[in-house]
Amino acid sequence: MSKFLIVIDMQNDFIDGALGTPEAVTIVPNVAEKIRSFKGDGIIFTLDTHGADYLDTAEGKGLPVPHCIRGTTGHSLPSAIDTLATRKGNKKIILKDAFGTFEWKNTDIRDGDDLEICGLCTDICIIANAVILRTMFPNSAIRADASCCAGVTPQKHLAALEVMRSLQIDVVND
């Protein structure tokens, strides 16, 4: 059994940029400490990734706030997290253009592995990927660290944690 830390969309635009929230800013030190103390087989980051045509996409029409545009500062990880993860090694990045991704099949994750999820936003990209991970890896232990996640609002964060519990995902530090 391998152990993976999955860091969802800890990007500048979701922290203090175009779609940032005070709650997102608050979890940055927690996520950095989680990365620093992680002892496992790999850290996988997802990056929400859009092009200049974002406002013409279905998502852009529903959320008309350009964000995470490839090549911008908003698309990047905060430098402290990026530097820390690079030093740790075993860092993989998945670029995704939707809330969830099926690229998990192109990682080293196998059914039965131990997976821990953290990042942004609990009620959108984290829950989308949690559902996909639970479906693709039904025998894996999956945890979400609530102290290393933030939602669009505190209420939506708590609601997403409840949905994850319903999917037999362990929620810790809430």
Protein backbone atom coordinates (compact mmCIF):
# COMPACT_ATOMS: atom_id res chain seq x y z
CA MET A 1 0.00 0.00 0.00
CA SER A 2 1.30 3.42 -0.98
CA LYS A 3 0.45 6.74 0.64
CA PHE A 4 -0.31 9.91 -1.32
CA LEU A 5 -1.07 13.49 -0.38
CA ILE A 6 -3.39 15.14 -2.88
CA VAL A 7 -3.37 18.95 -2.86
CA ILE A 8 -6.30 20.34 -4.82
CA ASP A 9 -6.03 23.77 -6.49
CA MET A 10 -3.91 25.61 -3.89
CA GLN A 11 -3.46 28.39 -6.42
CA ASN A 12 -2.99 32.10 -5.94
CA ASP A 13 -6.33 32.99 -7.56
CA PHE A 14 -8.20 30.81 -5.03
CA ILE A 15 -6.18 32.06 -2.06
CA ASP A 16 -5.97 35.83 -2.35
CA GLY A 17 -6.59 36.47 -6.04
CA ALA A 18 -9.68 36.65 -8.25
CA LEU A 19 -11.68 34.12 -6.18
CA GLY A 20 -9.77 34.31 -2.90
CA THR A 21 -11.39 34.18 0.53
CA PRO A 22 -10.19 34.90 4.06
CA GLU A 23 -10.70 31.21 4.87
CA ALA A 24 -8.41 30.20 2.00
CA VAL A 25 -5.69 32.53 3.23
CA THR A 26 -6.05 31.02 6.71
CA ILE A 27 -5.34 27.43 5.60
CA VAL A 28 -2.09 28.18 3.68
CA PRO A 29 0.17 27.60 6.74
CA ASN A 30 -1.72 24.38 7.56
CA VAL A 31 -1.25 23.05 4.03
CA ALA A 32 2.42 24.03 4.07
CA GLU A 33 2.90 22.14 7.34
CA LYS A 34 1.03 19.13 5.95
CA ILE A 35 3.39 19.07 2.95
CA ARG A 36 6.45 19.59 5.17
CA SER A 37 5.54 16.73 7.51
CA PHE A 38 4.21 14.31 4.86
CA LYS A 39 5.91 10.94 4.90
CA GLY A 40 4.63 8.97 1.98
CA ASP A 41 5.13 7.97 -1.62
CA GLY A 42 4.12 11.11 -3.44
CA ILE A 43 2.43 14.48 -3.45
CA ILE A 44 0.03 15.17 -6.29
CA PHE A 45 -1.12 18.72 -7.01
CA THR A 46 -4.01 19.67 -9.24
CA LEU A 47 -4.03 23.04 -10.93
CA ASP A 48 -7.27 24.51 -12.21
CA THR A 49 -6.23 25.57 -15.70
CA HIS A 50 -8.05 27.86 -18.09
CA GLY A 51 -7.22 29.72 -21.28
CA ALA A 52 -7.85 33.26 -22.42
CA ASP A 53 -11.23 32.08 -23.76
CA TYR A 54 -12.47 31.17 -20.26
CA LEU A 55 -15.48 33.49 -20.41
CA ASP A 56 -16.67 31.68 -23.56
CA THR A 57 -16.73 28.26 -21.81
CA ALA A 58 -19.73 26.75 -20.02
CA GLU A 59 -17.97 27.27 -16.67
CA GLY A 60 -17.09 30.85 -17.59
CA LYS A 61 -20.71 31.61 -18.40
CA GLY A 62 -21.76 30.23 -15.01
CA LEU A 63 -18.87 31.85 -13.10
CA PRO A 64 -17.89 34.95 -15.10
CA VAL A 65 -14.70 35.64 -13.15
CA PRO A 66 -11.52 34.92 -15.12
CA HIS A 67 -9.22 32.87 -12.90
CA CYS A 68 -6.34 30.41 -13.07
CA ILE A 69 -5.48 31.48 -16.61
CA ARG A 70 -2.43 29.55 -17.76
CA GLY A 71 0.72 31.65 -17.57
CA THR A 72 -0.60 34.10 -14.97
CA THR A 73 0.42 34.48 -11.33
CA GLY A 74 -3.09 33.41 -10.36
CA HIS A 75 -2.55 30.01 -11.99
CA SER A 76 0.55 29.32 -9.88
CA LEU A 77 0.99 27.76 -6.48
CA PRO A 78 2.13 30.21 -3.80
CA SER A 79 5.92 30.25 -3.95
CA ALA A 80 6.36 28.95 -0.38
CA ILE A 81 4.19 25.87 -1.09
CA ASP A 82 5.77 25.28 -4.50
CA THR A 83 9.31 25.52 -3.09
CA LEU A 84 8.47 23.25 -0.17
CA ALA A 85 6.84 20.63 -2.39
CA THR A 86 9.75 20.69 -4.84
CA ARG A 87 12.22 20.14 -1.99
CA LYS A 88 10.17 17.19 -0.73
CA GLY A 89 10.43 15.46 -4.12
CA ASN A 90 7.91 13.01 -5.58
CA LYS A 91 5.80 15.96 -6.75
CA LYS A 92 3.39 15.46 -9.63
CA ILE A 93 1.15 18.12 -11.15
CA ILE A 94 -2.15 17.46 -12.90
CA LEU A 95 -3.51 20.31 -15.00
CA LYS A 96 -7.30 20.15 -15.12
CA ASP A 97 -9.82 22.24 -17.03
CA ALA A 98 -12.88 21.13 -15.06
CA PHE A 99 -13.83 20.77 -11.41
CA GLY A 100 -12.73 17.13 -11.28
CA THR A 101 -10.28 15.06 -13.29
CA PHE A 102 -9.94 11.47 -14.42
CA GLU A 103 -6.16 11.88 -14.74
CA TRP A 104 -5.82 9.96 -11.46
CA LYS A 105 -5.53 6.91 -13.72
CA ASN A 106 -2.22 8.31 -15.00
CA THR A 107 -0.68 8.52 -11.54
CA ASP A 108 0.89 5.87 -9.33
CA ILE A 109 -2.28 5.60 -7.24
CA ARG A 110 -3.70 2.08 -7.07
CA ASP A 111 -6.87 0.75 -5.47
CA GLY A 112 -6.14 0.12 -1.80
CA ASP A 113 -3.68 2.99 -1.40
CA ASP A 114 -3.93 5.55 1.40
CA LEU A 115 -5.04 8.97 0.11
CA GLU A 116 -5.29 12.29 1.93
CA ILE A 117 -6.98 15.29 0.30
CA CYS A 118 -6.60 18.97 1.12
CA GLY A 119 -6.83 22.32 -0.66
CA LEU A 120 -9.48 24.49 -2.31
CA CYS A 121 -12.43 24.73 -2.66
CA THR A 122 -14.06 22.10 -0.45
CA ASP A 123 -17.50 22.49 -2.03
CA ILE A 124 -16.37 22.51 -5.66
CA CYS A 125 -13.09 20.94 -6.76
CA ILE A 126 -12.33 18.96 -3.61
CA ILE A 127 -15.75 17.30 -3.51
CA ALA A 128 -15.66 16.66 -7.28
CA ASN A 129 -12.30 14.92 -7.01
CA ALA A 130 -13.27 13.10 -3.81
CA VAL A 131 -16.23 11.54 -5.64
CA ILE A 132 -14.01 10.54 -8.57
CA LEU A 133 -11.29 9.13 -6.29
CA ARG A 134 -13.83 7.15 -4.24
CA THR A 135 -15.30 5.74 -7.48
CA MET A 136 -11.97 4.91 -9.12
CA PHE A 137 -10.36 3.52 -5.96
CA PRO A 138 -13.22 1.98 -3.93
CA ASN A 139 -10.89 0.07 -1.56
CA SER A 140 -8.62 3.01 -0.77
CA ALA A 141 -8.63 4.76 2.58
CA ILE A 142 -9.46 8.37 1.78
CA ARG A 143 -9.23 11.25 4.26
CA ALA A 144 -9.96 14.94 3.96
CA ASP A 145 -8.22 17.22 6.44
CA ALA A 146 -10.82 19.91 7.21
CA SER A 147 -8.15 22.20 8.70
CA CYS A 148 -6.37 22.19 5.33
CA CYS A 149 -9.48 22.87 3.23
CA ALA A 150 -11.65 25.93 2.67
CA GLY A 151 -14.89 26.36 0.80
CA VAL A 152 -16.43 29.25 -1.05
CA THR A 153 -18.21 29.99 2.23
CA PRO A 154 -17.82 28.41 5.68
CA GLN A 155 -21.33 26.93 5.33
CA LYS A 156 -20.58 25.31 1.97
CA HIS A 157 -17.31 23.95 3.38
CA LEU A 158 -19.21 22.21 6.19
CA ALA A 159 -21.85 20.89 3.78
CA ALA A 160 -19.16 19.40 1.51
CA LEU A 161 -17.51 17.71 4.50
CA GLU A 162 -20.85 16.08 5.33
CA VAL A 163 -21.22 14.80 1.75
CA MET A 164 -17.70 13.34 1.95
CA ARG A 165 -18.62 11.54 5.18
CA SER A 166 -21.59 10.04 3.31
CA LEU A 167 -19.11 8.71 0.75
CA GLN A 168 -17.12 6.99 3.53
CA ILE A 169 -14.34 9.53 3.31
CA ASP A 170 -12.88 10.19 6.74
CA VAL A 171 -12.97 13.85 7.69
CA VAL A 172 -10.31 14.78 10.23
CA ASN A 173 -9.46 17.99 12.14
CA ASP A 174 -12.88 19.59 11.80
